[in-house]
Amino acid sequence: MTSPPAIMADRPDSIDLQDRIISSISDGGLWKAPLHVFERLTSTNTGLLERGNACVHGETLRALSQSEGRGRNGRSWFSRREMSLTFSTAFRRADCALGPEYQGTVAALALARFMEDNDVIPLLKWPNDVLVNDLKIAGILAESRSDAPDVVVVGVGCNINQTSADFVAVELERTAVSLAMLTGRHHDLDTVFIDILSIWQRTADEMNRAGLSALAAEWQRRDALRGRNIVADVGGRSIRGMALGVNDQLELAIRDDQGVTRVLRSGEVTHIGPLS
């Protein structure tokens, strides 16, 4: 693999970690592809995007810390060692029954199921965020490059071991929460990583068999927005209204302030109000 920029050192036990991941999944599945674990880099998404068409389906890049991780709309996602789980996986269109454009949604569902397995009740915020009590615990960013349109890179950032003081220090105490804060205990990141990939593999297999409507139904059961007043940003234009939920195509319906129902295929929800 050509090293992505700002990588300091490959982690010596990354091969052992990949073996543990494969052994934890019945047939290895997606994560038989290369796994690269690095001490630090700028962004896991950038690392895979720069490989473009050289990416293998399922190739995964994990950073123990990253300095220039990206969220939606250019927001930063900084992660410190032992605090956050940050990784990205490449998907090739020819190998995705649902299409790579839906793999971010599959990832969000897998993360929600992981939270549920840890006795945490998550909700899903369109298009790809995981919330607990309206606080963000995980986010997913799917990206592609114009010169490699058949490859989509899905980046995952998940708050695992931060304390409330950690979020106060970066002025995120009103918007973010971690798994440790919700469960009252510290979590081993390698174990969490393996658990999430195992659940993601099972979820991807299930959704590829069941189809898009089944994926939408799973989202609808965990919808954080339905019935709430929201503000959505679509191409720099704000739409205010009440969220009506996602349809079978995972599009978000909003009844705007003029009573007109709008269906959004893409965009960002920037504000969530109380239930109407």
Protein backbone atom coordinates (compact mmCIF):
# COMPACT_ATOMS: atom_id res chain seq x y z
CA MET A 1 0.00 0.00 0.00
CA THR A 2 1.24 3.50 -0.80
CA SER A 3 1.34 5.33 2.53
CA PRO A 4 -1.25 8.09 2.89
CA PRO A 5 0.16 11.49 3.90
CA ALA A 6 1.21 12.17 7.50
CA ILE A 7 1.28 8.53 8.52
CA MET A 8 3.94 8.02 11.19
CA ALA A 9 4.20 4.24 11.50
CA ASP A 10 2.26 1.13 10.65
CA ARG A 11 1.17 -0.68 13.80
CA PRO A 12 3.14 -3.94 14.22
CA ASP A 13 0.17 -5.99 15.40
CA SER A 14 -2.18 -4.99 12.56
CA ILE A 15 -1.91 -8.44 10.95
CA ASP A 16 -2.82 -10.10 14.25
CA LEU A 17 -5.76 -7.72 14.59
CA GLN A 18 -6.97 -8.65 11.10
CA ASP A 19 -6.73 -12.35 12.00
CA ARG A 20 -8.82 -11.70 15.11
CA ILE A 21 -11.41 -9.85 13.02
CA ILE A 22 -11.62 -12.63 10.43
CA SER A 23 -11.89 -15.31 13.09
CA SER A 24 -14.73 -13.41 14.76
CA ILE A 25 -16.80 -13.47 11.55
CA SER A 26 -17.99 -16.83 10.27
CA ASP A 27 -16.49 -16.64 6.77
CA GLY A 28 -14.34 -13.52 6.92
CA GLY A 29 -16.61 -11.84 4.39
CA LEU A 30 -15.90 -8.23 3.56
CA TRP A 31 -13.01 -7.93 6.01
CA LYS A 32 -10.85 -10.55 4.32
CA ALA A 33 -9.63 -7.44 2.46
CA PRO A 34 -6.50 -5.61 3.65
CA LEU A 35 -6.61 -3.94 7.05
CA HIS A 36 -4.13 -1.15 7.82
CA VAL A 37 -3.77 0.23 11.36
CA PHE A 38 -1.65 3.35 11.87
CA GLU A 39 -0.56 5.24 14.95
CA ARG A 40 -1.55 8.63 13.52
CA LEU A 41 -2.63 10.18 10.26
CA THR A 42 -4.55 13.18 9.03
CA SER A 43 -7.72 11.44 7.85
CA THR A 44 -8.64 7.81 7.21
CA ASN A 45 -11.01 8.85 4.42
CA THR A 46 -8.25 10.81 2.71
CA GLY A 47 -5.91 7.85 2.94
CA LEU A 48 -8.28 5.58 1.03
CA LEU A 49 -9.60 8.23 -1.36
CA GLU A 50 -6.06 8.91 -2.54
CA ARG A 51 -5.74 5.25 -3.50
CA GLY A 52 -8.76 5.63 -5.78
CA ASN A 53 -9.29 2.67 -8.10
CA ALA A 54 -6.41 0.81 -6.42
CA CYS A 55 -8.65 0.18 -3.40
CA VAL A 56 -9.76 -3.39 -2.80
CA HIS A 57 -13.42 -3.87 -1.89
CA GLY A 58 -13.54 -3.89 1.90
CA GLU A 59 -10.06 -2.42 2.36
CA THR A 60 -10.02 -0.73 5.75
CA LEU A 61 -7.78 1.97 7.17
CA ARG A 62 -7.82 2.72 10.90
CA ALA A 63 -6.03 5.52 12.75
CA LEU A 64 -5.35 5.34 16.47
CA SER A 65 -5.44 9.13 16.33
CA GLN A 66 -6.14 11.55 13.51
CA SER A 67 -5.61 15.28 13.21
CA GLU A 68 -7.72 16.34 10.23
CA GLY A 69 -10.70 14.00 10.19
CA ARG A 70 -13.73 15.35 8.39
CA GLY A 71 -17.39 15.38 9.20
CA ARG A 72 -20.18 16.54 6.94
CA ASN A 73 -20.03 20.02 5.40
CA GLY A 74 -16.31 20.31 6.09
CA ARG A 75 -16.58 20.04 9.88
CA SER A 76 -13.57 18.63 11.72
CA TRP A 77 -13.60 15.32 13.57
CA PHE A 78 -10.55 15.18 15.81
CA SER A 79 -9.72 11.96 17.62
CA ARG A 80 -7.27 11.20 20.40
CA ARG A 81 -5.65 7.86 21.10
CA GLU A 82 -7.81 5.56 23.27
CA MET A 83 -10.73 8.01 23.13
CA SER A 84 -12.32 7.64 19.69
CA LEU A 85 -12.60 4.90 17.10
CA THR A 86 -11.85 6.24 13.62
CA PHE A 87 -11.63 4.14 10.48
CA SER A 88 -12.69 4.04 6.84
CA THR A 89 -13.68 1.22 4.49
CA ALA A 90 -13.71 1.24 0.67
CA PHE A 91 -16.64 -0.19 -1.28
CA ARG A 92 -16.62 -0.99 -4.98
CA ARG A 93 -19.88 -0.63 -6.89
CA ALA A 94 -19.61 -4.01 -8.61
CA ASP A 95 -19.43 -5.74 -5.21
CA CYS A 96 -22.37 -3.97 -3.51
CA ALA A 97 -25.82 -5.45 -3.99
CA LEU A 98 -27.38 -2.28 -2.54
CA GLY A 99 -24.90 0.03 -4.22
CA PRO A 100 -22.07 1.85 -2.45
CA GLU A 101 -24.21 4.96 -1.96
CA TYR A 102 -26.17 3.10 0.74
CA GLN A 103 -23.18 1.71 2.63
CA GLY A 104 -23.04 4.74 4.93
CA THR A 105 -26.61 4.00 5.97
CA VAL A 106 -25.75 0.34 6.55
CA ALA A 107 -22.82 1.48 8.70
CA ALA A 108 -25.10 3.74 10.77
CA LEU A 109 -27.51 0.84 11.33
CA ALA A 110 -24.62 -1.43 12.36
CA LEU A 111 -23.40 1.16 14.86
CA ALA A 112 -26.92 1.49 16.26
CA ARG A 113 -27.07 -2.28 16.71
CA PHE A 114 -23.68 -2.23 18.44
CA MET A 115 -25.00 0.40 20.86
CA GLU A 116 -28.11 -1.67 21.51
CA ASP A 117 -25.91 -4.68 22.33
CA ASN A 118 -24.28 -2.46 24.97
CA ASP A 119 -27.65 -1.54 26.55
CA VAL A 120 -27.65 1.92 24.96
CA ILE A 121 -30.76 3.15 23.13
CA PRO A 122 -29.68 5.00 19.96
CA LEU A 123 -31.64 6.87 17.33
CA LEU A 124 -30.59 7.62 13.76
CA LYS A 125 -30.43 11.18 12.45
CA TRP A 126 -30.71 11.48 8.68
CA PRO A 127 -28.58 11.06 6.73
CA ASN A 128 -25.98 9.10 8.73
CA ASP A 129 -25.57 10.14 12.38
CA VAL A 130 -26.14 8.08 15.53
CA LEU A 131 -27.62 9.94 18.51
CA VAL A 132 -28.32 9.09 22.13
CA ASN A 133 -30.59 11.53 23.98
CA ASP A 134 -30.11 13.96 21.07
CA LEU A 135 -26.32 13.88 21.59
CA LYS A 136 -24.03 12.63 18.84
CA ILE A 137 -22.16 9.43 19.61
CA ALA A 138 -21.14 8.49 16.07
CA GLY A 139 -21.06 9.93 12.58
CA ILE A 140 -20.51 8.46 9.14
CA LEU A 141 -19.16 10.28 6.10
CA ALA A 142 -19.34 8.67 2.64
CA GLU A 143 -17.13 10.19 -0.06
CA SER A 144 -15.94 9.44 -3.58
CA ARG A 145 -13.66 11.03 -6.16
CA SER A 146 -14.62 12.03 -9.68
CA ASP A 147 -11.69 10.06 -11.10
CA ALA A 148 -12.79 6.89 -9.27
CA PRO A 149 -16.62 7.05 -9.23
CA ASP A 150 -17.05 3.32 -8.67
CA VAL A 151 -15.32 3.49 -5.28
CA VAL A 152 -17.06 4.94 -2.23
CA VAL A 153 -15.15 5.39 1.02
CA VAL A 154 -17.23 5.22 4.20
CA GLY A 155 -15.59 6.86 7.20
CA VAL A 156 -16.72 6.12 10.75
CA GLY A 157 -16.04 8.22 13.83
CA CYS A 158 -17.36 6.93 17.15
CA ASN A 159 -16.99 8.46 20.61
CA ILE A 160 -15.91 5.66 22.94
CA ASN A 161 -13.93 6.68 26.05
CA GLN A 162 -14.29 10.46 26.36
CA THR A 163 -15.39 11.92 29.68
CA SER A 164 -17.72 14.88 30.07
CA ALA A 165 -14.62 16.99 30.85
CA ASP A 166 -13.10 16.00 27.51
CA PHE A 167 -16.13 17.38 25.68
CA VAL A 168 -16.21 20.54 27.83
CA ALA A 169 -12.59 21.20 26.84
CA VAL A 170 -13.55 21.33 23.14
CA GLU A 171 -16.97 22.96 23.71
CA LEU A 172 -18.95 19.88 22.66
CA GLU A 173 -20.66 19.13 25.97
CA ARG A 174 -24.06 20.19 24.56
CA THR A 175 -23.80 18.09 21.40
CA ALA A 176 -21.71 14.96 22.05
CA VAL A 177 -21.63 11.89 24.29
CA SER A 178 -19.43 8.79 24.54
CA LEU A 179 -20.08 5.11 25.11
CA ALA A 180 -18.10 5.25 28.38
CA MET A 181 -20.31 8.08 29.68
CA LEU A 182 -23.41 6.01 28.96
CA THR A 183 -22.17 2.66 30.26
CA GLY A 184 -20.02 3.89 33.13
CA ARG A 185 -16.95 1.93 32.08
CA HIS A 186 -13.84 2.16 29.90
CA HIS A 187 -13.84 0.15 26.66
CA ASP A 188 -10.93 -1.53 24.86
CA LEU A 189 -10.85 0.02 21.39
CA ASP A 190 -9.59 -3.09 19.60
CA THR A 191 -12.45 -5.10 21.07
CA VAL A 192 -14.95 -2.40 20.10
CA PHE A 193 -13.48 -2.28 16.58
CA ILE A 194 -13.85 -6.04 16.14
CA ASP A 195 -17.39 -6.00 17.54
CA ILE A 196 -18.47 -3.18 15.21
CA LEU A 197 -16.96 -4.81 12.12
CA SER A 198 -18.60 -8.14 13.01
CA ILE A 199 -21.99 -6.47 13.39
CA TRP A 200 -21.42 -4.44 10.22
CA GLN A 201 -20.62 -7.62 8.30
CA ARG A 202 -23.81 -9.33 9.49
CA THR A 203 -25.86 -6.19 8.86
CA ALA A 204 -24.43 -5.78 5.34
CA ASP A 205 -25.15 -9.43 4.52
CA GLU A 206 -28.71 -9.10 5.84
CA MET A 207 -29.46 -5.85 4.01
CA ASN A 208 -27.93 -7.06 0.75
CA ARG A 209 -30.32 -10.01 0.88
CA ALA A 210 -33.37 -8.09 2.09
CA GLY A 211 -33.02 -4.98 -0.05
CA LEU A 212 -33.43 -1.24 0.29
CA SER A 213 -36.96 -1.29 1.71
CA ALA A 214 -35.78 -3.47 4.61
CA LEU A 215 -32.92 -1.07 5.30
CA ALA A 216 -35.38 1.83 5.29
CA ALA A 217 -37.68 -0.04 7.70
CA GLU A 218 -34.79 -0.55 10.14
CA TRP A 219 -34.02 3.17 9.92
CA GLN A 220 -37.67 4.14 10.41
CA ARG A 221 -37.80 2.17 13.69
CA ARG A 222 -34.92 4.30 15.01
CA ASP A 223 -35.75 7.62 13.33
CA ALA A 224 -34.63 10.57 15.51
CA LEU A 225 -36.39 13.19 13.37
CA ARG A 226 -39.92 12.01 12.61
CA GLY A 227 -42.51 14.40 14.03
CA ARG A 228 -39.95 17.02 15.02
CA ASN A 229 -39.41 20.57 13.82
CA ILE A 230 -36.11 20.73 11.96
CA VAL A 231 -33.98 22.96 9.79
CA ALA A 232 -32.32 21.26 6.81
CA ASP A 233 -29.55 22.69 4.68
CA VAL A 234 -29.80 21.68 1.04
CA GLY A 235 -27.13 23.17 -1.20
CA GLY A 236 -26.78 26.23 1.02
CA ARG A 237 -30.55 26.79 1.22
CA SER A 238 -32.39 26.34 4.53
CA ILE A 239 -35.70 24.49 4.68
CA ARG A 240 -37.72 24.72 7.90
CA GLY A 241 -40.59 22.44 8.77
CA MET A 242 -41.65 19.20 10.37
CA ALA A 243 -39.86 15.96 9.53
CA LEU A 244 -42.27 13.30 8.26
CA GLY A 245 -39.66 10.52 8.27
CA VAL A 246 -37.76 8.66 5.58
CA ASN A 247 -39.43 6.79 2.73
CA ASP A 248 -38.49 3.40 1.25
CA GLN A 249 -35.72 5.11 -0.75
CA LEU A 250 -34.22 6.61 2.42
CA GLU A 251 -35.23 10.10 1.33
CA LEU A 252 -36.32 12.53 4.05
CA ALA A 253 -39.78 14.08 3.76
CA ILE A 254 -40.38 17.52 5.31
CA ARG A 255 -43.60 19.50 5.51
CA ASP A 256 -42.26 23.04 5.26
CA ASP A 257 -43.62 26.15 6.94
CA GLN A 258 -45.86 26.79 3.90
CA GLY A 259 -47.44 23.35 4.23
CA VAL A 260 -45.62 21.97 1.17
CA THR A 261 -44.11 18.48 1.47
CA ARG A 262 -40.56 18.32 0.20
CA VAL A 263 -38.54 15.13 -0.30
CA LEU A 264 -34.79 15.46 0.21
CA ARG A 265 -32.36 13.03 -1.41
CA SER A 266 -29.34 14.73 0.18
CA GLY A 267 -28.63 17.50 2.61
CA GLU A 268 -27.87 18.12 6.27
CA VAL A 269 -30.18 18.61 9.24
CA THR A 270 -28.70 21.51 11.19
CA HIS A 271 -31.29 21.92 13.95
CA ILE A 272 -33.70 19.58 15.74
CA GLY A 273 -36.58 21.04 17.73
CA PRO A 274 -39.07 19.37 20.09
CA LEU A 275 -41.77 16.99 18.96
CA SER A 276 -44.66 18.83 17.33
